[in-house]
């Protein structure tokens, strides 16, 4: 088991590394060239910029039982299909029960934006979001080990 982080815009990299260290779990950060991670004892793979280049490379490294930290619903869906456990930066699990609705909502939002409508983005992160993420990640690690 390992934890793979979609590092493009991920606000919980340090928390994830801290939890992984506690459970002695390998961490792999994948990002494009617009991000720079230099974390001790953590492998970072930097890929060229390109639509979904990080997502496809990351999903190719997912094995059954891995944890994937991502905000991307498409990547989460692909990770689920490989037996992974994708979670978002707020500690929400992506599951076979909720992924279709999330993808549909993303699709509708994209259609609205392309027609000129304004769609409200995510709210600003709060300390509670980090606490909730860390708690859920710890519970998931305990459950999977």
Foldseek 3Di string as FASTA:
>chain_A
DAEEEAPPPQPCPVLLVVLCVVLVHAYEYEYEPVDDDDDPRHHYHYHHDDVCPRLVVRLVPAAALYEYEDPDLVSLVSNVVRNYWYDYLQLHTDHPVCSVVVVVVVVVCVVCVVVPHDDDDDDDDDPNSNVNNSVNVNVSSVVSD
